Amino acid sequence: MASSDAAASDPLLYLRQAIASGRPPIPTTTADATSNTDAEQNLAKATHLLFNSDGDHRTFPLTAITRFVSSDKPVDLRSIYLAWQKKDVA
């Protein structure tokens, strides 16, 4: 079992919980998103994902490397999030 410190810094865990709860993360242009103007629907312009669950607000940079590995290379959060967004298109 992962420690609570490791879980708190795991963007994949946050993404999984957000999807399961029906509250997907919000792409933002800042790590300290405090207003709706910080939200950015264009993933190419966004720099972070904001997770809001049960009063817990956490952001991760989209460039964060995740524990997901493809072809022996770790995959960044932006790629994972984009794959989830486009899961029904393919």
Foldseek 3Di string as FASTA:
>chain_A
DDDPVVCLVAVVNLQVVCVVVVNHWFFFQDQPDDDPVRGDPPLVNGQWTWGDDPNDTGIDGQQQFHPDDDPNHTDGNSVVVVCVVCVPVD
